[in-house]
Amino acid sequence: MADPACSVDEHRSRVVEGVTRLAPEVVPLADALGRRLAADVVATLSVPPFDHAAMDGFAVRAADLASVPVSLPVSGAVAAGDTVTPLEPGTAVRIMTGAPVPPGADLVVPFEWTSGSDPVEIRQRADAGRHIRFEGEDVRAGDIAASAGSWLPPARLGLLASVGATTVEVLARPRLGVISTGAELVEGHVPDSNTVMLSAAGRDLGAVVTAYGPAPDDPGRFLDVLRTAAEHSDLVVTTGGISAGDHDVVKAALRDDPAFWFGPVALKPGRPQGCGSVVTSDGRRVPVVTLPGTPIAAYAAFHLFVRAVLGRLAGDDAETRLARLGVAVEAGDRTVVLPAVYDENDDAVPLRGHTGHSQRLLARAEALLVVPPARRTLAAGTVLEAFPL
């Protein structure tokens, strides 16, 4: 009797079992674009670093503008980068945007409110603090400028530079090895689309990807490729060779290894699955996830299982993404992964066609919908797990 199929959740738990987080790494701020912080960044500098003028104008004491218009002698001028001396009562200093505000001044009067001459006639009064950006009003030294777990897009990198950071501690980028199998790939009769697709998917998730295949349909030679990949990877993914055929090389090479499991998963497409680990020469235990060879099955399983391992390695177990069904969908006795697009209401609508093997549909898809086993019709509006593409 055939082994009963396990659930998608059971297999997802199996592939991440024993996988531990890689150590975070410290990188120069300039190399941190798109990374995720592993630790809080504490500001060593305030932003702004000193009180400075928000406009071109004249720095004055608000108390000297009790009645306007008023004429004040101009005792000097200050631009960005200049050093300043205290402002004498009853005088004004010509000041440019970004220039430090002289001690004693508590107001910048815009040029438009004045005669612009020396002495300067000030024609409009304002309260103290107007048109001054004060030290630390955005970020104070000692504040957390960015929290652990934050992504680092360009603007956040700019903020971290402004608070004095030159390096940051970020989550590791797992090294992913990809091995496709099959004589038809080795001999060039069929293009190796899985390596291209899964390598790109790994890079999209932040992994450093190396392709080690395609591997031939010979168990011994496949094991050589697998061991080489493991030596240089934190996770290895294989595609193809795990069904019950005469040339299913991955299963033939590993079925007797107690570190590996092969069996059916209640998943369409992608019923045959497998996983295990390889011990490297330096004693590392590298997880291996074996995927089916059919492109859509491989891609669906990559998102369901491989990304969970990548997240565990990076220390970034992502929250489940959700989508709302735009149409009713029939749910059967196993999990079904459907290529879908979003409609004008941002609801997910499965693409029609041969979803089990059509790469054309997969290329059109904007998301993969995960329809759980339910043996009933799921109404429009039902919220499901989804992987935006």
Protein backbone atom coordinates (compact mmCIF):
# COMPACT_ATOMS: atom_id res chain seq x y z
CA MET A 1 0.00 0.00 0.00
CA ALA A 2 1.28 3.45 -0.87
CA ASP A 3 2.34 5.72 1.96
CA PRO A 4 -0.36 8.19 2.97
CA ALA A 5 0.32 11.76 1.92
CA CYS A 6 1.30 14.19 4.64
CA SER A 7 -0.07 17.73 4.70
CA VAL A 8 1.73 20.80 3.40
CA ASP A 9 2.08 22.11 6.95
CA GLU A 10 3.56 18.82 8.14
CA HIS A 11 6.15 18.84 5.38
CA ARG A 12 6.93 22.52 5.95
CA SER A 13 7.65 21.68 9.61
CA ARG A 14 9.83 18.76 8.47
CA VAL A 15 12.04 20.81 6.16
CA VAL A 16 12.78 23.47 8.80
CA GLU A 17 13.34 21.01 11.64
CA GLY A 18 16.84 21.44 13.03
CA VAL A 19 17.64 24.42 10.81
CA THR A 20 19.32 27.16 12.85
CA ARG A 21 19.94 30.83 12.22
CA LEU A 22 23.18 31.86 10.59
CA ALA A 23 25.28 34.44 12.42
CA PRO A 24 24.48 38.04 11.43
CA GLU A 25 27.20 39.98 9.65
CA VAL A 26 28.52 43.53 9.91
CA VAL A 27 28.73 45.35 6.56
CA PRO A 28 29.62 48.89 5.51
CA LEU A 29 26.58 51.13 5.33
CA ALA A 30 27.19 51.65 1.62
CA ASP A 31 26.77 47.88 1.03
CA ALA A 32 23.61 47.46 3.11
CA LEU A 33 20.97 48.42 0.54
CA GLY A 34 18.03 46.01 0.68
CA ARG A 35 19.34 44.14 3.73
CA ARG A 36 17.46 43.68 7.00
CA LEU A 37 18.86 44.92 10.30
CA ALA A 38 19.85 42.26 12.83
CA ALA A 39 20.25 44.79 15.65
CA ASP A 40 19.01 48.24 16.59
CA VAL A 41 21.04 51.18 15.33
CA VAL A 42 21.51 53.78 18.08
CA ALA A 43 22.19 57.34 16.97
CA THR A 44 25.61 58.69 17.95
CA LEU A 45 24.79 62.09 16.44
CA SER A 46 21.68 64.22 16.70
CA VAL A 47 19.70 65.24 13.63
CA PRO A 48 19.96 68.14 13.09
CA PRO A 49 23.41 68.21 14.76
CA PHE A 50 22.97 71.90 15.83
CA ASP A 51 20.39 74.69 15.70
CA HIS A 52 20.34 76.04 12.15
CA ALA A 53 18.40 78.41 9.95
CA ALA A 54 15.47 76.96 8.03
CA MET A 55 15.38 79.96 5.66
CA ASP A 56 17.58 82.73 4.32
CA GLY A 57 17.06 85.86 6.41
CA PHE A 58 18.25 87.57 9.58
CA ALA A 59 18.90 85.98 12.96
CA VAL A 60 17.54 88.19 15.74
CA ARG A 61 16.21 88.17 19.30
CA ALA A 62 12.42 87.97 19.38
CA ALA A 63 12.44 90.43 22.29
CA ASP A 64 13.91 93.09 19.95
CA LEU A 65 10.77 92.90 17.78
CA ALA A 66 8.32 94.03 20.43
CA SER A 67 7.08 96.65 17.99
CA VAL A 68 7.51 96.64 14.22
CA PRO A 69 8.71 98.01 11.97
CA VAL A 70 12.05 98.19 13.74
CA SER A 71 15.54 98.98 12.42
CA LEU A 72 18.50 96.92 13.64
CA PRO A 73 22.20 97.19 12.74
CA VAL A 74 23.60 94.13 10.97
CA SER A 75 26.63 92.86 12.86
CA GLY A 76 27.74 90.22 10.38
CA ALA A 77 26.77 87.35 8.11
CA VAL A 78 26.90 83.57 8.56
CA ALA A 79 26.65 80.78 6.00
CA ALA A 80 26.50 77.00 6.31
CA GLY A 81 29.77 75.70 7.76
CA ASP A 82 30.76 79.00 9.40
CA THR A 83 31.60 79.35 13.07
CA VAL A 84 29.46 81.84 14.99
CA THR A 85 29.77 84.23 17.89
CA PRO A 86 26.97 85.29 20.25
CA LEU A 87 24.45 87.82 18.95
CA GLU A 88 24.50 91.16 20.76
CA PRO A 89 21.09 92.45 21.91
CA GLY A 90 19.56 94.99 19.54
CA THR A 91 21.43 93.68 16.46
CA ALA A 92 20.80 91.27 13.60
CA VAL A 93 22.98 88.78 11.67
CA ARG A 94 22.41 88.00 8.02
CA ILE A 95 22.02 84.18 7.85
CA MET A 96 21.70 81.56 5.11
CA THR A 97 19.67 78.34 5.12
CA GLY A 98 21.55 75.61 7.00
CA ALA A 99 23.87 78.03 8.78
CA PRO A 100 24.25 77.68 12.57
CA VAL A 101 22.11 80.09 14.58
CA PRO A 102 24.29 82.41 16.72
CA PRO A 103 23.91 81.93 20.48
CA GLY A 104 21.43 84.49 21.79
CA ALA A 105 19.35 84.53 18.59
CA ASP A 106 16.01 82.76 18.88
CA LEU A 107 14.30 83.74 15.62
CA VAL A 108 15.11 83.89 11.92
CA VAL A 109 13.23 86.57 10.03
CA PRO A 110 12.92 85.73 6.30
CA PHE A 111 14.40 88.21 3.83
CA GLU A 112 10.89 88.78 2.48
CA TRP A 113 9.88 90.43 5.77
CA THR A 114 12.75 92.92 5.70
CA SER A 115 14.38 95.69 3.72
CA GLY A 116 17.43 93.45 3.19
CA SER A 117 19.79 96.41 3.89
CA ASP A 118 22.11 97.49 6.72
CA PRO A 119 20.64 98.59 9.05
CA VAL A 120 17.83 96.16 8.31
CA GLU A 121 14.23 97.21 8.68
CA ILE A 122 12.13 94.33 9.98
CA ARG A 123 8.49 94.79 9.02
CA GLN A 124 6.86 91.71 10.55
CA ARG A 125 7.30 90.08 13.94
CA ALA A 126 7.16 86.40 14.88
CA ASP A 127 7.43 84.28 17.98
CA ALA A 128 10.72 82.87 19.21
CA GLY A 129 11.72 79.63 17.48
CA ARG A 130 10.26 80.51 14.08
CA HIS A 131 12.29 79.34 11.06
CA ILE A 132 14.87 77.51 13.19
CA ARG A 133 15.51 73.79 13.02
CA PHE A 134 16.65 72.78 16.49
CA GLU A 135 19.33 70.29 17.40
CA GLY A 136 17.88 66.78 17.78
CA GLU A 137 14.33 67.69 16.79
CA ASP A 138 14.35 64.79 14.28
CA VAL A 139 16.61 62.29 16.08
CA ARG A 140 18.54 62.76 19.32
CA ALA A 141 21.86 61.09 20.05
CA GLY A 142 21.04 57.95 22.02
CA ASP A 143 17.71 57.37 20.25
CA ILE A 144 17.10 54.17 18.27
CA ALA A 145 17.30 55.40 14.69
CA ALA A 146 16.24 52.06 13.16
CA SER A 147 15.06 48.91 14.89
CA ALA A 148 16.18 45.33 14.39
CA GLY A 149 14.16 43.74 11.62
CA SER A 150 13.88 46.95 9.58
CA TRP A 151 14.56 46.85 5.85
CA LEU A 152 17.22 49.20 4.55
CA PRO A 153 15.96 51.12 1.51
CA PRO A 154 17.89 54.21 0.29
CA ALA A 155 16.11 56.71 2.54
CA ARG A 156 16.78 54.70 5.70
CA LEU A 157 20.43 54.36 4.74
CA GLY A 158 20.53 58.16 4.49
CA LEU A 159 19.04 58.47 7.96
CA LEU A 160 21.59 56.07 9.41
CA ALA A 161 24.43 57.96 7.79
CA SER A 162 23.11 61.20 9.30
CA VAL A 163 23.15 59.73 12.83
CA GLY A 164 26.78 58.65 12.49
CA ALA A 165 26.51 55.00 11.43
CA THR A 166 29.23 53.74 9.11
CA THR A 167 28.54 50.01 9.49
CA VAL A 168 25.41 48.02 10.35
CA GLU A 169 24.72 44.51 11.63
CA VAL A 170 22.42 42.76 9.17
CA LEU A 171 20.81 39.35 8.80
CA ALA A 172 22.91 36.83 6.94
CA ARG A 173 22.37 36.13 3.25
CA PRO A 174 22.15 32.33 3.05
CA ARG A 175 24.19 30.62 0.34
CA LEU A 176 21.78 28.61 -1.80
CA GLY A 177 23.01 25.84 -4.10
CA VAL A 178 20.67 24.79 -6.93
CA ILE A 179 21.00 21.41 -8.65
CA SER A 180 18.73 20.36 -11.50
CA THR A 181 18.83 16.76 -12.69
CA GLY A 182 18.17 14.88 -15.89
CA ALA A 183 20.06 13.60 -18.91
CA GLU A 184 17.84 15.69 -21.14
CA LEU A 185 19.22 18.80 -19.45
CA VAL A 186 22.83 17.61 -19.40
CA GLU A 187 22.72 16.79 -23.11
CA GLY A 188 20.94 20.04 -23.95
CA HIS A 189 17.80 18.48 -25.42
CA VAL A 190 15.63 20.49 -23.01
CA PRO A 191 16.49 23.99 -21.68
CA ASP A 192 17.20 24.03 -17.94
CA SER A 193 14.48 26.49 -16.98
CA ASN A 194 14.27 25.31 -13.36
CA THR A 195 17.81 26.44 -12.55
CA VAL A 196 17.16 29.87 -14.02
CA MET A 197 13.78 30.23 -12.28
CA LEU A 198 14.74 28.91 -8.85
CA SER A 199 18.07 30.76 -8.81
CA ALA A 200 16.22 33.99 -9.52
CA ALA A 201 13.64 33.18 -6.84
CA GLY A 202 16.43 32.61 -4.33
CA ARG A 203 18.12 35.89 -5.19
CA ASP A 204 14.75 37.64 -4.90
CA LEU A 205 14.62 36.40 -1.30
CA GLY A 206 18.12 37.70 -0.56
CA ALA A 207 20.11 34.48 -0.97
CA VAL A 208 23.51 34.23 -2.62
CA VAL A 209 22.85 31.61 -5.30
CA THR A 210 25.18 29.23 -7.14
CA ALA A 211 24.04 26.68 -9.72
CA TYR A 212 25.79 23.29 -9.55
CA GLY A 213 23.80 21.37 -12.17
CA PRO A 214 22.43 19.99 -14.22
CA ALA A 215 23.55 16.69 -12.74
CA PRO A 216 23.52 13.47 -14.78
CA ASP A 217 21.19 10.52 -14.19
CA ASP A 218 23.87 8.58 -12.33
CA PRO A 219 23.54 8.22 -8.52
CA GLY A 220 27.27 8.30 -7.86
CA ARG A 221 27.95 11.32 -10.01
CA PHE A 222 24.89 13.07 -8.57
CA LEU A 223 26.22 12.50 -5.05
CA ASP A 224 29.52 14.08 -6.06
CA VAL A 225 27.67 17.18 -7.28
CA LEU A 226 25.53 17.27 -4.12
CA ARG A 227 28.54 17.05 -1.81
CA THR A 228 30.35 19.78 -3.73
CA ALA A 229 27.29 22.03 -3.50
CA ALA A 230 26.91 21.37 0.23
CA GLU A 231 30.54 22.31 0.92
CA HIS A 232 29.87 25.80 -0.42
CA SER A 233 26.23 26.32 0.59
CA ASP A 234 23.98 26.80 3.61
CA LEU A 235 21.05 25.15 1.80
CA VAL A 236 20.89 22.95 -1.30
CA VAL A 237 17.81 22.58 -3.49
CA THR A 238 17.46 19.86 -6.11
CA THR A 239 14.81 19.55 -8.80
CA GLY A 240 13.63 16.37 -10.46
CA GLY A 241 14.47 12.75 -9.82
CA ILE A 242 12.24 12.07 -6.79
CA SER A 243 9.30 10.12 -8.25
CA ALA A 244 9.14 6.38 -8.78
CA GLY A 245 10.63 6.11 -12.27
CA ASP A 246 13.65 4.14 -13.41
CA HIS A 247 15.78 7.28 -13.74
CA ASP A 248 14.81 9.15 -10.58
CA VAL A 249 18.40 9.77 -9.63
CA VAL A 250 17.94 11.85 -6.47
CA LYS A 251 15.76 9.25 -4.83
CA ALA A 252 18.00 6.40 -6.00
CA ALA A 253 21.07 8.11 -4.56
CA LEU A 254 19.57 9.08 -1.21
CA ARG A 255 16.67 6.75 -0.37
CA ASP A 256 18.84 4.59 1.89
CA ASP A 257 20.37 7.56 3.71
CA PRO A 258 18.67 7.84 7.13
CA ALA A 259 19.13 11.63 7.00
CA PHE A 260 16.63 11.81 4.11
CA TRP A 261 12.87 11.45 3.77
CA PHE A 262 10.95 10.95 0.53
CA GLY A 263 7.22 10.66 0.22
CA PRO A 264 3.95 12.10 -1.00
CA VAL A 265 2.62 15.44 0.14
CA ALA A 266 -1.05 16.30 -0.30
CA LEU A 267 -0.18 19.03 -2.78
CA LYS A 268 -1.14 19.78 -6.38
CA PRO A 269 1.08 20.28 -8.27
CA GLY A 270 4.00 18.70 -6.45
CA ARG A 271 2.93 15.49 -4.73
CA PRO A 272 6.43 13.90 -4.58
CA GLN A 273 8.70 15.75 -2.17
CA GLY A 274 11.77 15.07 -0.08
CA CYS A 275 14.26 16.59 2.32
CA GLY A 276 17.27 15.77 4.41
CA SER A 277 20.77 16.96 5.15
CA VAL A 278 24.40 16.45 4.19
CA VAL A 279 27.34 16.70 6.58
CA THR A 280 30.27 18.65 5.12
CA SER A 281 33.97 18.10 5.63
CA ASP A 282 34.03 20.78 8.34
CA GLY A 283 31.14 19.20 10.23
CA ARG A 284 28.32 21.50 9.12
CA ARG A 285 24.95 19.86 8.58
CA VAL A 286 23.55 21.45 5.41
CA PRO A 287 19.79 21.09 4.79
CA VAL A 288 18.71 19.71 1.41
CA VAL A 289 15.23 20.17 -0.04
CA THR A 290 14.37 17.97 -3.02
CA LEU A 291 11.68 19.33 -5.33
CA PRO A 292 9.79 17.85 -8.28
CA GLY A 293 11.08 18.56 -11.77
CA THR A 294 7.90 19.99 -13.30
CA PRO A 295 8.47 23.76 -13.35
CA ILE A 296 5.21 24.87 -11.70
CA ALA A 297 5.47 22.09 -9.10
CA ALA A 298 9.07 23.08 -8.40
CA TYR A 299 8.18 26.76 -8.14
CA ALA A 300 5.17 26.15 -5.89
CA ALA A 301 7.21 23.90 -3.61
CA PHE A 302 10.04 26.45 -3.54
CA HIS A 303 7.69 29.07 -2.11
CA LEU A 304 5.95 26.66 0.25
CA PHE A 305 9.06 24.95 1.62
CA VAL A 306 12.38 26.40 0.51
CA ARG A 307 11.61 29.98 1.46
CA ALA A 308 10.75 28.73 4.97
CA VAL A 309 14.27 27.29 5.28
CA LEU A 310 15.85 30.45 3.87
CA GLY A 311 13.89 32.50 6.39
CA ARG A 312 15.00 30.30 9.27
CA LEU A 313 18.65 30.51 8.15
CA ALA A 314 18.51 34.30 7.84
CA GLY A 315 16.62 34.70 11.12
CA ASP A 316 13.76 36.23 9.19
CA ASP A 317 10.67 34.06 9.54
CA ALA A 318 8.37 36.17 7.38
CA GLU A 319 4.73 36.61 8.27
CA THR A 320 2.24 34.69 6.16
CA ARG A 321 1.03 36.79 3.24
CA LEU A 322 -2.69 36.75 2.52
CA ALA A 323 -4.95 37.45 -0.45
CA ARG A 324 -8.71 37.63 -0.87
CA LEU A 325 -10.40 35.48 -3.50
CA GLY A 326 -12.07 37.45 -6.27
CA VAL A 327 -14.09 34.43 -7.47
CA ALA A 328 -15.36 31.17 -5.98
CA VAL A 329 -12.89 28.26 -6.09
CA GLU A 330 -13.46 24.54 -5.64
CA ALA A 331 -11.28 23.07 -2.87
CA GLY A 332 -10.56 19.35 -2.91
CA ASP A 333 -8.84 16.81 -0.70
CA ARG A 334 -5.35 18.32 -0.95
CA THR A 335 -3.68 21.71 -1.05
CA VAL A 336 -3.72 23.26 -4.52
CA VAL A 337 -1.40 26.06 -5.64
CA LEU A 338 -2.92 28.26 -8.33
CA PRO A 339 -1.25 30.99 -10.41
CA ALA A 340 -3.40 34.09 -10.04
CA VAL A 341 -3.66 37.75 -10.97
CA TYR A 342 -5.13 40.64 -9.00
CA ASP A 343 -8.30 42.33 -10.21
CA GLU A 344 -9.26 46.00 -9.90
CA ASN A 345 -10.27 45.40 -6.26
CA ASP A 346 -6.90 43.77 -5.43
CA ASP A 347 -8.64 40.42 -5.11
CA ALA A 348 -6.85 37.33 -6.43
CA VAL A 349 -8.34 35.58 -9.46
CA PRO A 350 -6.86 32.21 -10.55
CA LEU A 351 -5.72 32.02 -14.16
CA ARG A 352 -7.59 29.55 -16.34
CA GLY A 353 -5.71 26.82 -18.13
CA HIS A 354 -3.45 23.87 -17.41
CA THR A 355 -2.11 25.23 -14.16
CA GLY A 356 -0.23 22.03 -13.31
CA HIS A 357 2.43 22.43 -15.98
CA SER A 358 1.97 25.66 -17.93
CA GLN A 359 4.98 27.93 -17.59
CA ARG A 360 3.14 30.48 -19.71
CA LEU A 361 0.50 30.83 -16.99
CA LEU A 362 3.15 30.96 -14.31
CA ALA A 363 4.93 33.77 -16.16
CA ARG A 364 1.65 35.75 -16.29
CA ALA A 365 0.86 35.22 -12.62
CA GLU A 366 1.09 38.00 -10.05
CA ALA A 367 0.70 35.64 -7.09
CA LEU A 368 0.53 31.97 -6.15
CA LEU A 369 -2.67 31.20 -4.25
CA VAL A 370 -2.58 28.38 -1.70
CA VAL A 371 -6.00 26.72 -1.61
CA PRO A 372 -6.21 24.42 1.44
CA PRO A 373 -7.98 21.06 1.42
CA ALA A 374 -11.62 21.68 2.23
CA ARG A 375 -13.78 19.49 -0.06
CA ARG A 376 -16.13 22.39 -0.67
CA THR A 377 -16.52 25.59 -2.62
CA LEU A 378 -14.59 28.54 -1.19
CA ALA A 379 -16.66 31.66 -1.77
CA ALA A 380 -15.38 34.88 -3.26
CA GLY A 381 -13.98 36.96 -0.42
CA THR A 382 -12.32 34.00 1.32
CA VAL A 383 -8.85 34.95 2.56
CA LEU A 384 -6.05 32.52 1.64
CA GLU A 385 -2.29 32.22 2.02
CA ALA A 386 -0.57 33.71 -1.04
CA PHE A 387 2.89 34.41 -2.39
CA PRO A 388 3.07 37.69 -4.34
CA LEU A 389 5.36 37.25 -7.34
